[in-house]
């Protein structure tokens, strides 16, 4: 059985879309982060803006789910990748820095390639779902964004 990458390479209609998609995703990450930083939790906004955010979330979530299912079907996994669960076990650690503890933070998610960097600090140990959420948030930064 062909893997997904060789299937894509064998089709004339697929020609370096990965590069274009990565550029678009970096733009999306930048725009989403800027929009996120502009908003307050209790902020009101027009319904059409809420609708655009909902639609964009649905579209990108669906695309990700499709690509993940294709990787699972073909067994294509990047060398050196780890499961979300393994990442959680390896990267969610108790903090040792006094300045974190002074602020009441006892746990941190450490960076992938730079473990001295903290992705986020927590008072209580974060859940697997929180870890997954933070990894998606920083994906653009850690994976070339």
Protein backbone atom coordinates (compact mmCIF):
# COMPACT_ATOMS: atom_id res chain seq x y z
CA UNK A 1 0.00 0.00 0.00
CA UNK A 2 1.33 3.43 -0.93
CA UNK A 3 1.88 5.93 1.82
CA UNK A 4 0.10 9.28 1.68
CA UNK A 5 3.16 11.23 0.56
CA UNK A 6 3.85 8.94 -2.42
CA UNK A 7 0.15 9.04 -3.32
CA UNK A 8 0.25 12.82 -3.37
CA UNK A 9 3.47 12.87 -5.38
CA UNK A 10 1.95 10.56 -7.98
CA UNK A 11 -1.00 12.87 -8.69
CA UNK A 12 -0.56 15.64 -11.26
CA UNK A 13 -3.05 17.83 -9.45
CA UNK A 14 -0.84 17.94 -6.35
CA UNK A 15 2.19 20.15 -6.88
CA UNK A 16 3.91 21.65 -3.82
CA UNK A 17 0.69 22.61 -2.10
CA UNK A 18 2.39 21.94 1.24
CA UNK A 19 4.55 25.03 0.91
CA UNK A 20 1.58 27.20 0.01
CA UNK A 21 -0.50 25.74 2.84
CA UNK A 22 2.30 26.38 5.35
CA UNK A 23 2.50 30.02 4.27
CA UNK A 24 -1.26 30.37 4.65
CA UNK A 25 -1.20 28.65 8.03
CA UNK A 26 1.55 30.97 9.30
CA UNK A 27 -0.60 33.93 8.24
CA UNK A 28 -3.58 32.36 9.99
CA UNK A 29 -1.58 31.77 13.17
CA UNK A 30 -0.35 35.37 13.20
CA UNK A 31 -3.84 36.76 12.56
CA UNK A 32 -5.45 34.48 15.15
CA UNK A 33 -2.85 35.40 17.79
CA UNK A 34 -3.30 39.12 17.11
CA UNK A 35 -7.08 38.79 17.28
CA UNK A 36 -6.83 36.71 20.45
CA UNK A 37 -4.66 39.40 22.07
CA UNK A 38 -7.16 42.14 21.11
CA UNK A 39 -10.12 40.46 22.81
CA UNK A 40 -11.18 40.52 26.41
CA UNK A 41 -13.17 37.59 27.85
CA UNK A 42 -16.26 39.75 28.35
CA UNK A 43 -16.00 41.61 25.03
CA UNK A 44 -19.00 41.88 22.72
CA UNK A 45 -18.56 41.74 18.97
CA UNK A 46 -20.80 41.70 15.93
CA UNK A 47 -22.42 38.36 15.12
CA UNK A 48 -20.76 38.30 11.68
CA UNK A 49 -17.32 38.42 13.36
CA UNK A 50 -18.30 35.55 15.66
CA UNK A 51 -19.51 33.63 12.62
CA UNK A 52 -16.23 34.13 10.74
CA UNK A 53 -14.24 32.87 13.73
CA UNK A 54 -16.53 29.85 14.10
CA UNK A 55 -16.30 29.01 10.41
CA UNK A 56 -12.51 29.41 10.30
CA UNK A 57 -12.17 27.18 13.38
CA UNK A 58 -14.39 24.52 11.83
CA UNK A 59 -12.56 24.59 8.49
CA UNK A 60 -9.07 24.31 9.95
CA UNK A 61 -10.14 21.69 12.50
CA UNK A 62 -11.70 19.59 9.70
CA UNK A 63 -8.57 19.89 7.54
CA UNK A 64 -6.38 18.82 10.46
CA UNK A 65 -8.63 15.86 11.26
CA UNK A 66 -8.49 14.73 7.62
CA UNK A 67 -4.70 14.95 7.43
CA UNK A 68 -4.33 13.10 10.75
CA UNK A 69 -6.65 10.32 9.54
CA UNK A 70 -4.62 9.98 6.34
CA UNK A 71 -1.41 9.65 8.32
CA UNK A 72 -2.96 6.98 10.53
CA UNK A 73 -4.33 5.06 7.54
CA UNK A 74 -1.00 5.01 5.74
CA UNK A 75 1.13 4.61 8.84
CA UNK A 76 3.02 7.77 7.91
CA UNK A 77 4.51 9.26 11.02
CA UNK A 78 7.37 11.72 11.10
CA UNK A 79 10.62 10.39 12.50
CA UNK A 80 11.06 11.55 16.04
CA UNK A 81 7.40 12.37 16.57
CA UNK A 82 5.72 11.32 19.76
CA UNK A 83 2.17 10.80 20.85
CA UNK A 84 0.31 13.55 22.67
CA UNK A 85 0.32 11.35 25.76
CA UNK A 86 4.08 10.80 25.63
CA UNK A 87 4.62 14.53 25.12
CA UNK A 88 2.44 15.27 28.13
CA UNK A 89 4.43 12.88 30.32
CA UNK A 90 7.76 14.28 29.14
CA UNK A 91 6.99 18.00 28.99
CA UNK A 92 4.64 18.67 31.93
CA UNK A 93 6.99 19.03 34.88
CA UNK A 94 7.21 20.67 38.28
CA UNK A 95 8.96 24.01 38.07
CA UNK A 96 12.16 24.54 40.00
CA UNK A 97 12.53 28.28 39.50
CA UNK A 98 12.00 30.32 42.67
CA UNK A 99 10.40 33.21 40.76
CA UNK A 100 7.70 30.85 39.45
CA UNK A 101 7.02 29.50 42.90
CA UNK A 102 6.81 33.03 44.32
CA UNK A 103 3.95 33.65 41.88
CA UNK A 104 2.24 30.47 43.07
CA UNK A 105 3.12 28.50 39.94
CA UNK A 106 4.17 24.91 40.58
CA UNK A 107 3.92 23.30 37.15
CA UNK A 108 5.09 24.19 33.66
CA UNK A 109 5.01 22.91 30.11
CA UNK A 110 8.58 22.95 28.90
CA UNK A 111 9.63 23.72 25.35
CA UNK A 112 10.29 20.91 22.88
CA UNK A 113 13.69 21.87 21.55
CA UNK A 114 14.58 24.28 24.35
CA UNK A 115 13.50 22.66 27.62
CA UNK A 116 14.70 25.68 29.60
CA UNK A 117 11.82 27.68 28.05
CA UNK A 118 8.40 27.41 29.68
CA UNK A 119 5.42 27.35 27.31
CA UNK A 120 3.02 28.12 30.15
CA UNK A 121 3.02 28.07 33.96
CA UNK A 122 0.29 26.62 36.21
CA UNK A 123 -0.64 26.51 39.87
CA UNK A 124 -2.03 22.97 39.52
CA UNK A 125 -0.84 20.24 37.17
CA UNK A 126 -2.49 20.88 33.78
CA UNK A 127 -4.66 18.20 32.20
CA UNK A 128 -3.89 16.33 28.99
CA UNK A 129 -6.53 18.46 27.25
CA UNK A 130 -4.85 21.68 28.43
CA UNK A 131 -1.48 20.36 27.25
CA UNK A 132 -2.95 19.52 23.82
CA UNK A 133 -4.50 23.00 23.62
CA UNK A 134 -1.19 24.70 24.40
CA UNK A 135 0.71 22.52 21.92
CA UNK A 136 -1.73 23.51 19.18
CA UNK A 137 -1.35 27.16 20.18
CA UNK A 138 2.43 27.12 19.91
CA UNK A 139 2.62 24.76 16.92
CA UNK A 140 3.42 27.57 14.53
CA UNK A 141 6.31 28.70 16.69
CA UNK A 142 7.82 25.25 17.25
CA UNK A 143 7.27 23.92 13.75
CA UNK A 144 8.66 26.73 11.63
CA UNK A 145 5.96 29.38 11.97
